[in-house]
C-alpha atoms as a PDB file:
ATOM      1  CA  MET A   1      93.193 -28.525 -80.463  1.00  0.00           C
ATOM      2  CA  THR A   2      95.215 -31.738 -80.274  1.00  0.00           C
ATOM      3  CA  ILE A   3      93.770 -34.473 -77.748  1.00  0.00           C
ATOM      4  CA  PRO A   4      96.377 -37.226 -76.610  1.00  0.00           C
ATOM      5  CA  GLY A   5      95.701 -40.520 -77.990  1.00  0.00           C
ATOM      6  CA  GLY A   6      95.022 -43.436 -75.480  1.00  0.00           C
ATOM      7  CA  ILE A   7      92.483 -45.648 -74.580  1.00  0.00           C
ATOM      8  CA  PHE A   8      88.992 -44.277 -74.811  1.00  0.00           C
ATOM      9  CA  ALA A   9      85.514 -45.320 -73.685  1.00  0.00           C
ATOM     10  CA  THR A  10      82.663 -44.593 -75.909  1.00  0.00           C
ATOM     11  CA  GLY A  11      79.200 -44.395 -75.826  1.00  0.00           C
ATOM     12  CA  ARG A  12      77.172 -43.367 -78.728  1.00  0.00           C
ATOM     13  CA  VAL A  13      73.645 -42.302 -78.154  1.00  0.00           C
ATOM     14  CA  GLU A  14      70.686 -40.480 -79.811  1.00  0.00           C
ATOM     15  CA  ILE A  15      69.185 -37.968 -77.409  1.00  0.00           C
ATOM     16  CA  ARG A  16      67.654 -34.784 -76.466  1.00  0.00           C
ATOM     17  CA  VAL A  17      70.242 -32.156 -75.532  1.00  0.00           C
ATOM     18  CA  ASP A  18      68.513 -32.233 -71.910  1.00  0.00           C
ATOM     19  CA  ARG A  19      69.516 -35.802 -71.711  1.00  0.00           C
ATOM     20  CA  PHE A  20      73.199 -35.169 -71.879  1.00  0.00           C
ATOM     21  CA  PRO A  21      73.849 -35.238 -67.945  1.00  0.00           C
ATOM     22  CA  GLU A  22      72.493 -38.828 -68.512  1.00  0.00           C
ATOM     23  CA  ALA A  23      74.094 -40.175 -70.849  1.00  0.00           C
ATOM     24  CA  TRP A  24      77.616 -39.881 -68.795  1.00  0.00           C
ATOM     25  CA  ASP A  25      76.026 -40.621 -65.730  1.00  0.00           C
ATOM     26  CA  THR A  26      74.846 -43.942 -67.463  1.00  0.00           C
ATOM     27  CA  LEU A  27      78.638 -44.106 -69.268  1.00  0.00           C
ATOM     28  CA  MET A  28      80.842 -43.637 -65.724  1.00  0.00           C
ATOM     29  CA  GLY A  29      78.169 -44.929 -63.222  1.00  0.00           C
ATOM     30  CA  GLU A  30      77.133 -47.897 -64.631  1.00  0.00           C
ATOM     31  CA  TRP A  31      79.318 -49.398 -67.368  1.00  0.00           C
ATOM     32  CA  LEU A  32      82.552 -47.834 -66.116  1.00  0.00           C
ATOM     33  CA  PRO A  33      82.192 -49.494 -62.644  1.00  0.00           C
ATOM     34  CA  GLY A  34      82.641 -52.915 -63.866  1.00  0.00           C
ATOM     35  CA  SER A  35      84.593 -52.765 -67.207  1.00  0.00           C
ATOM     36  CA  GLY A  36      87.795 -53.280 -65.581  1.00  0.00           C
ATOM     37  CA  TYR A  37      88.804 -50.145 -66.231  1.00  0.00           C
ATOM     38  CA  GLU A  38      89.264 -46.608 -64.316  1.00  0.00           C
ATOM     39  CA  PRO A  39      88.954 -43.064 -65.416  1.00  0.00           C
ATOM     40  CA  GLU A  40      92.427 -41.678 -66.952  1.00  0.00           C
ATOM     41  CA  ASP A  41      93.671 -37.773 -66.002  1.00  0.00           C
ATOM     42  CA  ARG A  42      92.790 -36.868 -69.651  1.00  0.00           C
ATOM     43  CA  LEU A  43      90.357 -34.877 -71.778  1.00  0.00           C
ATOM     44  CA  CYS A  44      86.721 -36.265 -72.101  1.00  0.00           C
ATOM     45  CA  TYR A  45      85.017 -35.349 -74.547  1.00  0.00           C
ATOM     46  CA  GLU A  46      81.870 -35.112 -77.058  1.00  0.00           C
ATOM     47  CA  VAL A  47      81.759 -35.867 -80.915  1.00  0.00           C
ATOM     48  CA  HIS A  48      78.296 -34.544 -82.529  1.00  0.00           C
ATOM     49  CA  LEU A  49      77.569 -36.196 -85.629  1.00  0.00           C
ATOM     50  CA  ASN A  50      75.060 -34.899 -86.649  1.00  0.00           C
ATOM     51  CA  ASP A  51      72.069 -31.252 -86.031  1.00  0.00           C
ATOM     52  CA  PRO A  52      69.213 -31.781 -84.057  1.00  0.00           C
ATOM     53  CA  ASP A  53      67.563 -29.543 -85.887  1.00  0.00           C
ATOM     54  CA  THR A  54      67.469 -31.425 -88.700  1.00  0.00           C
ATOM     55  CA  HIS A  55      66.865 -34.876 -86.709  1.00  0.00           C
ATOM     56  CA  PRO A  56      62.940 -35.814 -87.356  1.00  0.00           C
ATOM     57  CA  ASP A  57      62.541 -35.975 -83.534  1.00  0.00           C
ATOM     58  CA  GLY A  58      64.787 -33.543 -82.562  1.00  0.00           C
ATOM     59  CA  LYS A  59      67.868 -35.634 -81.219  1.00  0.00           C
ATOM     60  CA  SER A  60      71.762 -35.186 -80.889  1.00  0.00           C
ATOM     61  CA  ILE A  61      73.664 -38.173 -82.284  1.00  0.00           C
ATOM     62  CA  VAL A  62      76.684 -38.161 -80.011  1.00  0.00           C
ATOM     63  CA  GLU A  63      79.255 -40.108 -79.023  1.00  0.00           C
ATOM     64  CA  LEU A  64      80.391 -39.548 -75.612  1.00  0.00           C
ATOM     65  CA  ARG A  65      84.593 -40.171 -75.041  1.00  0.00           C
ATOM     66  CA  GLU A  66      85.876 -40.859 -71.587  1.00  0.00           C
ATOM     67  CA  PRO A  67      89.890 -41.603 -71.167  1.00  0.00           C
ATOM     68  CA  ILE A  68      90.475 -44.694 -69.388  1.00  0.00           C
ATOM     69  CA  ARG A  69      93.103 -47.099 -68.815  1.00  0.00           C
ATOM     70  CA  SER A  70      93.061 -50.879 -67.186  1.00  0.00           C
ATOM     71  CA  LEU A  71      92.879 -51.168 -63.521  1.00  0.00           C
END
């Protein structure tokens, strides 16, 4: 898959899998409104940086990436 380029808001988190919705809510509902940016109509995605089965606390290390543009 090819992901179109552009500006992305990136949030790096270390969380349990069941907390992913909260992480996205924080990025989109807390950071984005005061950032001077708005979501852009491109693909958002996650980059998983580890295997949670090998993490000492069973957590995933993930980058959340949301396409944005200036207001």
